[in-house]
Amino acid sequence: MTKKPDKHQVIGIVGLAKNTGKTTTLNWLIKKNLNETIGLTSVGLDGEKMDQIHFLPKPRIMVYQTMIVATAQSCLDESKISYDVIEKTNLFTSIGEILVVRIKSEGYLVIAGPTTNQELSSVLKMMKVHATKIFVDGAFNRMTFSNLDEIDGVILATGASVSPNMEETVNQTRRIVDLFNLKKTSYRIKNSEAKIIFSTPQGEVYLDDKKIASIENILNDVGISIQKIYVKGAISEKLMDALILSRRSHYELIGEDPSRFIFQSRRFKYLEALNVDLSVVKTFKLLYVTMNPFRPTHQSYDANEFMKALKNNINLDVIDVMREE
């Protein structure tokens, strides 16, 4: 009889930067949940033997008997583990078709999963038939689960690689945690093809591109009272600057999900001063934060100080997976 999954059946793991301990977090999660039938995949290629930025050995992903894994054919061919193919997905990457397999012997494996959210959604639906707990290794330095209903929760890995300054790393981590807490908008999108929608008392203004000149034309029109601005896709720094420089205030800025605001920094303070409310169409539950005080190319943080600073600044559980390991 298959064990009934808990409310967080599918969990995504993302890193705030390279070498923040994302793979170590994943290995820790696998060990912690060996009583489950674990599923494992990734967004694109991850788990390379050498870190391609600093050329340092990376923690490998250990897989165990009965685990359900979705990865590219060539990754399986190069491994020393044995497995049974459950399903051929007919989804192809540059290194082969993605196969859903059941692991028969433990060992280390490179995970190269689907490269798009649509493909990931399809693969996760296949895996849910066989696994009670599924982990998705997200791509480096970006959120990759936008508009994906199959993801039930996210774990954020932060660490000293974000910045040589620990205070800056803590501040960036807090900002990402705040983004996950953004409210879900009540706004209903009537034109799914529009890149930007300006909602006004007189109706809606649609843009089919995100050219700054087009945006500025509307922002600078004093005859238009803007109540909401919906942006499809990335909210770039240039777009943010156009909003700020227009001095428009007291409106709702809507993104598709928290990741669309992920690379903004001091600009948030300007928006706050203009009484701009941020919201999202799709929310994700941030379960907890893992920390890695080690920095590969510079001085590392003191682990105890880093843990204390994070706990004092974010209202979430913080786990030092390096010590847990």
C-alpha atoms as a PDB file:
ATOM      1  CA  MET A   1       0.000   0.000   0.000  1.00  0.00           C
ATOM      2  CA  THR A   2       1.399   3.402  -1.001  1.00  0.00           C
ATOM      3  CA  LYS A   3       1.994   5.760   1.886  1.00  0.00           C
ATOM      4  CA  LYS A   4      -0.224   8.836   1.816  1.00  0.00           C
ATOM      5  CA  PRO A   5       1.890  11.921   1.053  1.00  0.00           C
ATOM      6  CA  ASP A   6       1.902  14.903   3.381  1.00  0.00           C
ATOM      7  CA  LYS A   7       0.801  18.366   2.270  1.00  0.00           C
ATOM      8  CA  HIS A   8       4.293  19.166   0.965  1.00  0.00           C
ATOM      9  CA  GLN A   9       4.704  16.309  -1.471  1.00  0.00           C
ATOM     10  CA  VAL A  10       6.780  18.274  -4.000  1.00  0.00           C
ATOM     11  CA  ILE A  11       9.514  20.558  -2.657  1.00  0.00           C
ATOM     12  CA  GLY A  12      11.775  22.804  -4.699  1.00  0.00           C
ATOM     13  CA  ILE A  13      15.271  23.724  -3.508  1.00  0.00           C
ATOM     14  CA  VAL A  14      16.852  26.950  -4.755  1.00  0.00           C
ATOM     15  CA  GLY A  15      20.116  28.710  -3.967  1.00  0.00           C
ATOM     16  CA  LEU A  16      20.541  32.427  -3.380  1.00  0.00           C
ATOM     17  CA  ALA A  17      23.910  32.184  -5.181  1.00  0.00           C
ATOM     18  CA  LYS A  18      26.425  29.613  -6.359  1.00  0.00           C
ATOM     19  CA  ASN A  19      27.990  27.459  -3.605  1.00  0.00           C
ATOM     20  CA  THR A  20      25.397  28.266  -0.955  1.00  0.00           C
ATOM     21  CA  GLY A  21      24.966  24.584  -0.108  1.00  0.00           C
ATOM     22  CA  LYS A  22      22.003  23.715  -2.320  1.00  0.00           C
ATOM     23  CA  THR A  23      23.292  20.263  -3.239  1.00  0.00           C
ATOM     24  CA  THR A  24      24.328  19.614   0.369  1.00  0.00           C
ATOM     25  CA  THR A  25      20.797  20.597   1.381  1.00  0.00           C
ATOM     26  CA  LEU A  26      19.377  18.144  -1.128  1.00  0.00           C
ATOM     27  CA  ASN A  27      21.572  15.282   0.106  1.00  0.00           C
ATOM     28  CA  TRP A  28      20.532  16.077   3.680  1.00  0.00           C
ATOM     29  CA  LEU A  29      16.859  16.080   2.726  1.00  0.00           C
ATOM     30  CA  ILE A  30      17.187  12.714   1.017  1.00  0.00           C
ATOM     31  CA  LYS A  31      18.790  11.134   4.099  1.00  0.00           C
ATOM     32  CA  LYS A  32      16.154  12.682   6.334  1.00  0.00           C
ATOM     33  CA  ASN A  33      13.298  11.226   4.270  1.00  0.00           C
ATOM     34  CA  LEU A  34      14.510   7.697   3.522  1.00  0.00           C
ATOM     35  CA  ASN A  35      11.309   6.370   5.107  1.00  0.00           C
ATOM     36  CA  GLU A  36       9.468   7.882   2.123  1.00  0.00           C
ATOM     37  CA  THR A  37       9.475   6.772  -1.491  1.00  0.00           C
ATOM     38  CA  ILE A  38      11.622   9.677  -2.659  1.00  0.00           C
ATOM     39  CA  GLY A  39      11.426  11.226  -6.097  1.00  0.00           C
ATOM     40  CA  LEU A  40      14.229  13.378  -7.468  1.00  0.00           C
ATOM     41  CA  THR A  41      14.674  15.590 -10.507  1.00  0.00           C
ATOM     42  CA  SER A  42      16.100  18.987 -11.393  1.00  0.00           C
ATOM     43  CA  VAL A  43      15.509  21.993 -13.597  1.00  0.00           C
ATOM     44  CA  GLY A  44      18.128  21.420 -16.266  1.00  0.00           C
ATOM     45  CA  LEU A  45      21.634  20.143 -15.608  1.00  0.00           C
ATOM     46  CA  ASP A  46      22.995  20.271 -12.094  1.00  0.00           C
ATOM     47  CA  GLY A  47      25.320  18.168  -9.972  1.00  0.00           C
ATOM     48  CA  GLU A  48      28.414  18.610 -12.195  1.00  0.00           C
ATOM     49  CA  LYS A  49      31.578  17.069 -10.761  1.00  0.00           C
ATOM     50  CA  MET A  50      33.424  20.401 -10.670  1.00  0.00           C
ATOM     51  CA  ASP A  51      31.977  23.791  -9.891  1.00  0.00           C
ATOM     52  CA  GLN A  52      32.232  25.615 -13.207  1.00  0.00           C
ATOM     53  CA  ILE A  53      32.859  29.016 -11.601  1.00  0.00           C
ATOM     54  CA  HIS A  54      35.496  28.216  -8.984  1.00  0.00           C
ATOM     55  CA  PHE A  55      36.554  24.750 -10.253  1.00  0.00           C
ATOM     56  CA  LEU A  56      36.128  23.147  -6.866  1.00  0.00           C
ATOM     57  CA  PRO A  57      34.748  19.657  -6.189  1.00  0.00           C
ATOM     58  CA  LYS A  58      30.978  19.736  -5.676  1.00  0.00           C
ATOM     59  CA  PRO A  59      28.946  17.595  -3.287  1.00  0.00           C
ATOM     60  CA  ARG A  60      27.378  14.816  -5.344  1.00  0.00           C
ATOM     61  CA  ILE A  61      23.767  13.705  -5.192  1.00  0.00           C
ATOM     62  CA  MET A  62      23.517  10.298  -3.561  1.00  0.00           C
ATOM     63  CA  VAL A  63      20.637   8.118  -4.672  1.00  0.00           C
ATOM     64  CA  TYR A  64      19.359   5.025  -2.888  1.00  0.00           C
ATOM     65  CA  GLN A  65      17.393   1.891  -3.675  1.00  0.00           C
ATOM     66  CA  THR A  66      13.687   2.414  -4.517  1.00  0.00           C
ATOM     67  CA  MET A  67      14.139   6.133  -5.260  1.00  0.00           C
ATOM     68  CA  ILE A  68      12.342   7.485  -8.332  1.00  0.00           C
ATOM     69  CA  VAL A  69      14.608   9.679 -10.464  1.00  0.00           C
ATOM     70  CA  ALA A  70      13.952  11.679 -13.628  1.00  0.00           C
ATOM     71  CA  THR A  71      17.173  12.487 -15.465  1.00  0.00           C
ATOM     72  CA  ALA A  72      18.724  12.400 -18.931  1.00  0.00           C
ATOM     73  CA  GLN A  73      19.735   9.087 -20.495  1.00  0.00           C
ATOM     74  CA  SER A  74      23.440   9.979 -20.699  1.00  0.00           C
ATOM     75  CA  CYS A  75      23.582  10.688 -16.961  1.00  0.00           C
ATOM     76  CA  LEU A  76      22.361   7.172 -16.296  1.00  0.00           C
ATOM     77  CA  ASP A  77      24.751   5.702 -18.872  1.00  0.00           C
ATOM     78  CA  GLU A  78      27.742   7.322 -17.164  1.00  0.00           C
ATOM     79  CA  SER A  79      26.749   6.273 -13.655  1.00  0.00           C
ATOM     80  CA  LYS A  80      27.601   2.995 -11.926  1.00  0.00           C
ATOM     81  CA  ILE A  81      24.152   2.451 -10.479  1.00  0.00           C
ATOM     82  CA  SER A  82      21.564  -0.039 -11.664  1.00  0.00           C
ATOM     83  CA  TYR A  83      17.969   0.974 -12.354  1.00  0.00           C
ATOM     84  CA  ASP A  84      14.703   0.038 -14.046  1.00  0.00           C
ATOM     85  CA  VAL A  85      13.070   2.389 -16.533  1.00  0.00           C
ATOM     86  CA  ILE A  86       9.515   3.199 -15.414  1.00  0.00           C
ATOM     87  CA  GLU A  87       8.588   5.673 -18.137  1.00  0.00           C
ATOM     88  CA  LYS A  88      10.120   7.251 -21.212  1.00  0.00           C
ATOM     89  CA  THR A  89       8.986  10.872 -21.197  1.00  0.00           C
ATOM     90  CA  ASN A  90       9.610  11.693 -24.863  1.00  0.00           C
ATOM     91  CA  LEU A  91      11.179  14.923 -23.567  1.00  0.00           C
ATOM     92  CA  PHE A  92      14.700  15.554 -24.801  1.00  0.00           C
ATOM     93  CA  THR A  93      17.632  17.600 -23.524  1.00  0.00           C
ATOM     94  CA  SER A  94      20.976  18.242 -25.202  1.00  0.00           C
ATOM     95  CA  ILE A  95      22.295  15.124 -23.440  1.00  0.00           C
ATOM     96  CA  GLY A  96      19.447  12.759 -24.166  1.00  0.00           C
ATOM     97  CA  GLU A  97      15.873  11.836 -23.373  1.00  0.00           C
ATOM     98  CA  ILE A  98      14.639  12.270 -19.819  1.00  0.00           C
ATOM     99  CA  LEU A  99      13.786   8.914 -18.295  1.00  0.00           C
ATOM    100  CA  VAL A 100      11.834   8.207 -15.124  1.00  0.00           C
ATOM    101  CA  VAL A 101      13.604   5.322 -13.395  1.00  0.00           C
ATOM    102  CA  ARG A 102      13.534   3.339 -10.171  1.00  0.00           C
ATOM    103  CA  ILE A 103      16.961   3.047  -8.538  1.00  0.00           C
ATOM    104  CA  LYS A 104      18.125  -0.514  -7.731  1.00  0.00           C
ATOM    105  CA  SER A 105      21.556   0.208  -6.211  1.00  0.00           C
ATOM    106  CA  GLU A 106      22.884   3.212  -4.332  1.00  0.00           C
ATOM    107  CA  GLY A 107      25.494   5.551  -5.751  1.00  0.00           C
ATOM    108  CA  TYR A 108      26.166   9.061  -7.002  1.00  0.00           C
ATOM    109  CA  LEU A 109      24.274  10.456  -9.952  1.00  0.00           C
ATOM    110  CA  VAL A 110      24.175  13.602 -12.069  1.00  0.00           C
ATOM    111  CA  ILE A 111      20.619  14.921 -12.346  1.00  0.00           C
ATOM    112  CA  ALA A 112      19.661  16.628 -15.619  1.00  0.00           C
ATOM    113  CA  GLY A 113      15.924  17.128 -15.636  1.00  0.00           C
ATOM    114  CA  PRO A 114      13.476  19.112 -17.758  1.00  0.00           C
ATOM    115  CA  THR A 115      14.544  22.539 -18.969  1.00  0.00           C
ATOM    116  CA  THR A 116      11.137  24.262 -19.009  1.00  0.00           C
ATOM    117  CA  ASN A 117       8.339  24.585 -16.471  1.00  0.00           C
ATOM    118  CA  GLN A 118       5.879  22.933 -18.848  1.00  0.00           C
ATOM    119  CA  GLU A 119       8.134  19.878 -19.192  1.00  0.00           C
ATOM    120  CA  LEU A 120       8.828  19.842 -15.455  1.00  0.00           C
ATOM    121  CA  SER A 121       5.108  19.855 -14.752  1.00  0.00           C
ATOM    122  CA  SER A 122       4.638  16.869 -17.053  1.00  0.00           C
ATOM    123  CA  VAL A 123       7.497  14.916 -15.433  1.00  0.00           C
ATOM    124  CA  LEU A 124       6.280  15.648 -11.899  1.00  0.00           C
ATOM    125  CA  LYS A 125       2.842  14.300 -12.740  1.00  0.00           C
ATOM    126  CA  MET A 126       4.481  11.046 -13.851  1.00  0.00           C
ATOM    127  CA  MET A 127       6.612  10.881 -10.698  1.00  0.00           C
ATOM    128  CA  LYS A 128       3.688  11.506  -8.341  1.00  0.00           C
ATOM    129  CA  VAL A 129       2.247   8.145  -9.309  1.00  0.00           C
ATOM    130  CA  HIS A 130       5.296   6.407  -7.795  1.00  0.00           C
ATOM    131  CA  ALA A 131       6.799   8.742  -5.156  1.00  0.00           C
ATOM    132  CA  THR A 132       5.415  10.093  -1.888  1.00  0.00           C
ATOM    133  CA  LYS A 133       8.006  12.877  -1.514  1.00  0.00           C
ATOM    134  CA  ILE A 134       9.632  14.610  -4.501  1.00  0.00           C
ATOM    135  CA  PHE A 135      12.577  17.018  -4.453  1.00  0.00           C
ATOM    136  CA  VAL A 136      13.280  19.353  -7.360  1.00  0.00           C
ATOM    137  CA  ASP A 137      16.762  20.831  -7.608  1.00  0.00           C
ATOM    138  CA  GLY A 138      16.272  24.385  -8.873  1.00  0.00           C
ATOM    139  CA  ALA A 139      18.661  26.212 -11.188  1.00  0.00           C
ATOM    140  CA  PHE A 140      21.458  28.361  -9.762  1.00  0.00           C
ATOM    141  CA  ASN A 141      20.636  31.909  -8.676  1.00  0.00           C
ATOM    142  CA  ARG A 142      17.094  32.051 -10.031  1.00  0.00           C
ATOM    143  CA  MET A 143      13.716  30.826  -9.068  1.00  0.00           C
ATOM    144  CA  THR A 144      12.462  28.308 -11.560  1.00  0.00           C
ATOM    145  CA  PHE A 145       9.021  27.286 -10.389  1.00  0.00           C
ATOM    146  CA  SER A 146       6.865  30.121 -11.702  1.00  0.00           C
ATOM    147  CA  ASN A 147       3.255  29.224 -12.542  1.00  0.00           C
ATOM    148  CA  LEU A 148       3.886  25.627 -11.530  1.00  0.00           C
ATOM    149  CA  ASP A 149       1.020  24.245  -9.483  1.00  0.00           C
ATOM    150  CA  GLU A 150       2.862  21.005  -8.672  1.00  0.00           C
ATOM    151  CA  ILE A 151       5.326  22.705  -6.300  1.00  0.00           C
ATOM    152  CA  ASP A 152       3.991  22.627  -2.729  1.00  0.00           C
ATOM    153  CA  GLY A 153       6.862  24.390  -0.980  1.00  0.00           C
ATOM    154  CA  VAL A 154      10.339  25.818  -1.437  1.00  0.00           C
ATOM    155  CA  ILE A 155      13.551  25.653   0.597  1.00  0.00           C
ATOM    156  CA  LEU A 156      16.075  28.489   0.208  1.00  0.00           C
ATOM    157  CA  ALA A 157      19.809  27.832   0.552  1.00  0.00           C
ATOM    158  CA  THR A 158      21.874  30.859   1.543  1.00  0.00           C
ATOM    159  CA  GLY A 159      25.529  31.187   2.417  1.00  0.00           C
ATOM    160  CA  ALA A 160      28.790  33.077   2.516  1.00  0.00           C
ATOM    161  CA  SER A 161      29.169  32.870  -1.276  1.00  0.00           C
ATOM    162  CA  VAL A 162      26.457  35.516  -1.623  1.00  0.00           C
ATOM    163  CA  SER A 163      28.802  38.247  -0.342  1.00  0.00           C
ATOM    164  CA  PRO A 164      32.077  38.594   1.601  1.00  0.00           C
ATOM    165  CA  ASN A 165      30.049  40.824   3.946  1.00  0.00           C
ATOM    166  CA  MET A 166      27.862  38.740   6.260  1.00  0.00           C
ATOM    167  CA  GLU A 167      25.457  41.607   6.929  1.00  0.00           C
ATOM    168  CA  GLU A 168      24.840  41.980   3.190  1.00  0.00           C
ATOM    169  CA  THR A 169      24.144  38.241   2.860  1.00  0.00           C
ATOM    170  CA  VAL A 170      21.686  38.359   5.763  1.00  0.00           C
ATOM    171  CA  ASN A 171      19.958  41.393   4.246  1.00  0.00           C
ATOM    172  CA  GLN A 172      19.643  39.705   0.851  1.00  0.00           C
ATOM    173  CA  THR A 173      18.289  36.558   2.477  1.00  0.00           C
ATOM    174  CA  ARG A 174      15.736  38.583   4.434  1.00  0.00           C
ATOM    175  CA  ARG A 175      14.650  40.356   1.246  1.00  0.00           C
ATOM    176  CA  ILE A 176      14.022  37.040  -0.528  1.00  0.00           C
ATOM    177  CA  VAL A 177      12.079  35.751   2.483  1.00  0.00           C
ATOM    178  CA  ASP A 178       9.970  38.939   2.365  1.00  0.00           C
ATOM    179  CA  LEU A 179       9.280  38.345  -1.335  1.00  0.00           C
ATOM    180  CA  PHE A 180       7.920  34.891  -0.563  1.00  0.00           C
ATOM    181  CA  ASN A 181       5.536  36.565   1.866  1.00  0.00           C
ATOM    182  CA  LEU A 182       4.073  38.901  -0.754  1.00  0.00           C
ATOM    183  CA  LYS A 183       0.286  38.823  -0.832  1.00  0.00           C
ATOM    184  CA  LYS A 184      -1.628  37.188  -3.643  1.00  0.00           C
ATOM    185  CA  THR A 185      -3.333  39.767  -5.827  1.00  0.00           C
ATOM    186  CA  SER A 186      -7.090  39.842  -6.293  1.00  0.00           C
ATOM    187  CA  TYR A 187      -6.594  41.269  -9.778  1.00  0.00           C
ATOM    188  CA  ARG A 188      -7.927  39.103 -12.617  1.00  0.00           C
ATOM    189  CA  ILE A 189      -5.846  39.178 -15.787  1.00  0.00           C
ATOM    190  CA  LYS A 190      -8.135  39.513 -18.801  1.00  0.00           C
ATOM    191  CA  ASN A 191      -5.437  39.597 -21.505  1.00  0.00           C
ATOM    192  CA  SER A 192      -2.935  36.768 -21.032  1.00  0.00           C
ATOM    193  CA  GLU A 193      -0.911  37.870 -24.077  1.00  0.00           C
ATOM    194  CA  ALA A 194      -0.143  41.375 -22.812  1.00  0.00           C
ATOM    195  CA  LYS A 195       3.373  42.007 -21.508  1.00  0.00           C
ATOM    196  CA  ILE A 196       2.247  44.887 -19.299  1.00  0.00           C
ATOM    197  CA  ILE A 197      -1.226  45.911 -18.177  1.00  0.00           C
ATOM    198  CA  PHE A 198      -2.063  49.309 -16.682  1.00  0.00           C
ATOM    199  CA  SER A 199      -5.368  49.218 -14.807  1.00  0.00           C
ATOM    200  CA  THR A 200      -7.122  52.590 -14.582  1.00  0.00           C
ATOM    201  CA  PRO A 201     -10.604  53.784 -13.543  1.00  0.00           C
ATOM    202  CA  GLN A 202     -11.402  54.222 -17.242  1.00  0.00           C
ATOM    203  CA  GLY A 203     -10.298  50.729 -18.220  1.00  0.00           C
ATOM    204  CA  GLU A 204      -7.134  48.820 -19.037  1.00  0.00           C
ATOM    205  CA  VAL A 205      -4.181  49.799 -21.204  1.00  0.00           C
ATOM    206  CA  TYR A 206      -2.274  46.888 -22.743  1.00  0.00           C
ATOM    207  CA  LEU A 207       1.311  46.798 -24.002  1.00  0.00           C
ATOM    208  CA  ASP A 208       2.488  43.904 -26.164  1.00  0.00           C
ATOM    209  CA  ASP A 209       6.137  44.768 -25.527  1.00  0.00           C
ATOM    210  CA  LYS A 210       8.229  45.933 -22.558  1.00  0.00           C
ATOM    211  CA  LYS A 211      10.084  48.753 -24.275  1.00  0.00           C
ATOM    212  CA  ILE A 212      10.962  51.443 -21.782  1.00  0.00           C
ATOM    213  CA  ALA A 213       9.847  54.199 -24.186  1.00  0.00           C
ATOM    214  CA  SER A 214       6.382  52.636 -24.444  1.00  0.00           C
ATOM    215  CA  ILE A 215       6.126  52.338 -20.677  1.00  0.00           C
ATOM    216  CA  GLU A 216       7.298  55.910 -20.101  1.00  0.00           C
ATOM    217  CA  ASN A 217       4.694  57.249 -22.553  1.00  0.00           C
ATOM    218  CA  ILE A 218       1.937  55.880 -20.340  1.00  0.00           C
ATOM    219  CA  LEU A 219       3.592  56.749 -17.021  1.00  0.00           C
ATOM    220  CA  ASN A 220       4.153  60.343 -18.124  1.00  0.00           C
ATOM    221  CA  ASP A 221       0.565  60.839 -19.303  1.00  0.00           C
ATOM    222  CA  VAL A 222      -0.919  62.926 -16.500  1.00  0.00           C
ATOM    223  CA  GLY A 223      -4.392  62.191 -17.828  1.00  0.00           C
ATOM    224  CA  ILE A 224      -4.107  58.527 -16.836  1.00  0.00           C
ATOM    225  CA  SER A 225      -4.710  57.546 -13.201  1.00  0.00           C
ATOM    226  CA  ILE A 226      -2.968  54.209 -12.604  1.00  0.00           C
ATOM    227  CA  GLN A 227      -4.332  51.842  -9.966  1.00  0.00           C
ATOM    228  CA  LYS A 228      -2.508  48.621 -10.851  1.00  0.00           C
ATOM    229  CA  ILE A 229       0.425  47.624 -13.058  1.00  0.00           C
ATOM    230  CA  TYR A 230       0.804  43.961 -14.022  1.00  0.00           C
ATOM    231  CA  VAL A 231       4.121  42.850 -15.537  1.00  0.00           C
ATOM    232  CA  LYS A 232       4.440  39.523 -17.306  1.00  0.00           C
ATOM    233  CA  GLY A 233       7.847  37.905 -16.971  1.00  0.00           C
ATOM    234  CA  ALA A 234      10.910  39.580 -15.502  1.00  0.00           C
ATOM    235  CA  ILE A 235      10.607  42.967 -13.823  1.00  0.00           C
ATOM    236  CA  SER A 236      13.911  44.433 -14.985  1.00  0.00           C
ATOM    237  CA  GLU A 237      15.902  47.107 -13.202  1.00  0.00           C
ATOM    238  CA  LYS A 238      15.316  49.463 -16.147  1.00  0.00           C
ATOM    239  CA  LEU A 239      11.581  48.973 -15.797  1.00  0.00           C
ATOM    240  CA  MET A 240      11.818  49.541 -12.048  1.00  0.00           C
ATOM    241  CA  ASP A 241      13.800  52.744 -12.668  1.00  0.00           C
ATOM    242  CA  ALA A 242      11.129  53.989 -15.080  1.00  0.00           C
ATOM    243  CA  LEU A 243       8.445  53.404 -12.448  1.00  0.00           C
ATOM    244  CA  ILE A 244      10.465  55.183  -9.765  1.00  0.00           C
ATOM    245  CA  LEU A 245      11.478  58.161 -11.930  1.00  0.00           C
ATOM    246  CA  SER A 246       7.853  58.712 -12.969  1.00  0.00           C
ATOM    247  CA  ARG A 247       7.061  59.470  -9.313  1.00  0.00           C
ATOM    248  CA  ARG A 248       3.799  57.560  -9.681  1.00  0.00           C
ATOM    249  CA  SER A 249       2.504  56.549  -6.260  1.00  0.00           C
ATOM    250  CA  HIS A 250      -0.237  54.620  -4.480  1.00  0.00           C
ATOM    251  CA  TYR A 251      -0.685  51.756  -6.935  1.00  0.00           C
ATOM    252  CA  GLU A 252      -0.279  47.968  -6.907  1.00  0.00           C
ATOM    253  CA  LEU A 253       2.687  46.456  -8.789  1.00  0.00           C
ATOM    254  CA  ILE A 254       1.890  42.855  -9.682  1.00  0.00           C
ATOM    255  CA  GLY A 255       4.402  40.177 -10.692  1.00  0.00           C
ATOM    256  CA  GLU A 256       3.734  36.620 -11.800  1.00  0.00           C
ATOM    257  CA  ASP A 257       5.517  35.184  -8.747  1.00  0.00           C
ATOM    258  CA  PRO A 258       8.213  36.118  -6.184  1.00  0.00           C
ATOM    259  CA  SER A 259      11.044  35.305  -8.602  1.00  0.00           C
ATOM    260  CA  ARG A 260      10.120  38.215 -10.846  1.00  0.00           C
ATOM    261  CA  PHE A 261      11.384  40.607  -8.165  1.00  0.00           C
ATOM    262  CA  ILE A 262      14.379  38.493  -7.233  1.00  0.00           C
ATOM    263  CA  PHE A 263      17.222  40.682  -8.493  1.00  0.00           C
ATOM    264  CA  GLN A 264      15.999  44.054  -7.271  1.00  0.00           C
ATOM    265  CA  SER A 265      17.632  45.655  -4.240  1.00  0.00           C
ATOM    266  CA  ARG A 266      17.598  49.295  -3.066  1.00  0.00           C
ATOM    267  CA  ARG A 267      14.843  50.056  -5.580  1.00  0.00           C
ATOM    268  CA  PHE A 268      12.359  48.472  -3.206  1.00  0.00           C
ATOM    269  CA  LYS A 269      12.965  51.294  -0.733  1.00  0.00           C
ATOM    270  CA  TYR A 270      12.053  53.855  -3.381  1.00  0.00           C
ATOM    271  CA  LEU A 271       8.844  51.984  -4.205  1.00  0.00           C
ATOM    272  CA  GLU A 272       7.991  51.786  -0.539  1.00  0.00           C
ATOM    273  CA  ALA A 273       8.461  55.572  -0.226  1.00  0.00           C
ATOM    274  CA  LEU A 274       6.025  55.992  -3.129  1.00  0.00           C
ATOM    275  CA  ASN A 275       3.481  53.763  -1.354  1.00  0.00           C
ATOM    276  CA  VAL A 276       3.612  51.119  -4.064  1.00  0.00           C
ATOM    277  CA  ASP A 277       2.189  47.772  -2.925  1.00  0.00           C
ATOM    278  CA  LEU A 278       3.839  44.633  -4.322  1.00  0.00           C
ATOM    279  CA  SER A 279       1.809  41.496  -4.994  1.00  0.00           C
ATOM    280  CA  VAL A 280       1.981  38.307  -7.029  1.00  0.00           C
ATOM    281  CA  VAL A 281      -0.331  36.140  -9.086  1.00  0.00           C
ATOM    282  CA  LYS A 282       1.292  32.923  -7.861  1.00  0.00           C
ATOM    283  CA  THR A 283       2.566  32.447  -4.308  1.00  0.00           C
ATOM    284  CA  PHE A 284       4.980  29.828  -3.027  1.00  0.00           C
ATOM    285  CA  LYS A 285       5.318  28.690   0.569  1.00  0.00           C
ATOM    286  CA  LEU A 286       8.873  29.081   1.841  1.00  0.00           C
ATOM    287  CA  LEU A 287       9.337  26.212   4.284  1.00  0.00           C
ATOM    288  CA  TYR A 288      12.706  27.133   5.811  1.00  0.00           C
ATOM    289  CA  VAL A 289      16.206  28.409   5.068  1.00  0.00           C
ATOM    290  CA  THR A 290      19.427  26.393   5.062  1.00  0.00           C
ATOM    291  CA  MET A 291      22.801  28.076   5.602  1.00  0.00           C
ATOM    292  CA  ASN A 292      26.357  27.431   4.487  1.00  0.00           C
ATOM    293  CA  PRO A 293      29.005  29.582   6.221  1.00  0.00           C
ATOM    294  CA  PHE A 294      31.785  28.318   3.917  1.00  0.00           C
ATOM    295  CA  ARG A 295      33.077  30.607   1.141  1.00  0.00           C
ATOM    296  CA  PRO A 296      35.320  28.830  -1.420  1.00  0.00           C
ATOM    297  CA  THR A 297      37.496  31.758  -2.510  1.00  0.00           C
ATOM    298  CA  HIS A 298      37.511  34.133   0.482  1.00  0.00           C
ATOM    299  CA  GLN A 299      37.256  34.083   4.248  1.00  0.00           C
ATOM    300  CA  SER A 300      34.269  32.127   5.501  1.00  0.00           C
ATOM    301  CA  TYR A 301      31.774  33.279   8.116  1.00  0.00           C
ATOM    302  CA  ASP A 302      31.719  32.189  11.714  1.00  0.00           C
ATOM    303  CA  ALA A 303      28.938  29.583  11.657  1.00  0.00           C
ATOM    304  CA  ASN A 304      27.462  30.557  15.032  1.00  0.00           C
ATOM    305  CA  GLU A 305      27.412  34.267  14.222  1.00  0.00           C
ATOM    306  CA  PHE A 306      25.853  33.612  10.819  1.00  0.00           C
ATOM    307  CA  MET A 307      23.149  31.425  12.326  1.00  0.00           C
ATOM    308  CA  LYS A 308      22.377  34.012  15.020  1.00  0.00           C
ATOM    309  CA  ALA A 309      22.192  36.862  12.495  1.00  0.00           C
ATOM    310  CA  LEU A 310      19.819  34.943  10.237  1.00  0.00           C
ATOM    311  CA  LYS A 311      17.530  33.933  13.090  1.00  0.00           C
ATOM    312  CA  ASN A 312      17.409  37.536  14.320  1.00  0.00           C
ATOM    313  CA  ASN A 313      16.376  38.821  10.903  1.00  0.00           C
ATOM    314  CA  ILE A 314      14.011  36.265   9.392  1.00  0.00           C
ATOM    315  CA  ASN A 315      10.920  34.653  10.840  1.00  0.00           C
ATOM    316  CA  LEU A 316      11.672  31.132   9.610  1.00  0.00           C
ATOM    317  CA  ASP A 317      13.548  28.083  10.810  1.00  0.00           C
ATOM    318  CA  VAL A 318      17.230  28.168   9.812  1.00  0.00           C
ATOM    319  CA  ILE A 319      19.174  24.903   9.470  1.00  0.00           C
ATOM    320  CA  ASP A 320      22.942  24.490   9.206  1.00  0.00           C
ATOM    321  CA  VAL A 321      22.976  21.433   6.944  1.00  0.00           C
ATOM    322  CA  MET A 322      26.777  21.280   6.997  1.00  0.00           C
ATOM    323  CA  ARG A 323      26.629  20.427  10.708  1.00  0.00           C
ATOM    324  CA  GLU A 324      23.540  18.269  10.282  1.00  0.00           C
ATOM    325  CA  GLU A 325      25.438  16.155   7.770  1.00  0.00           C
END
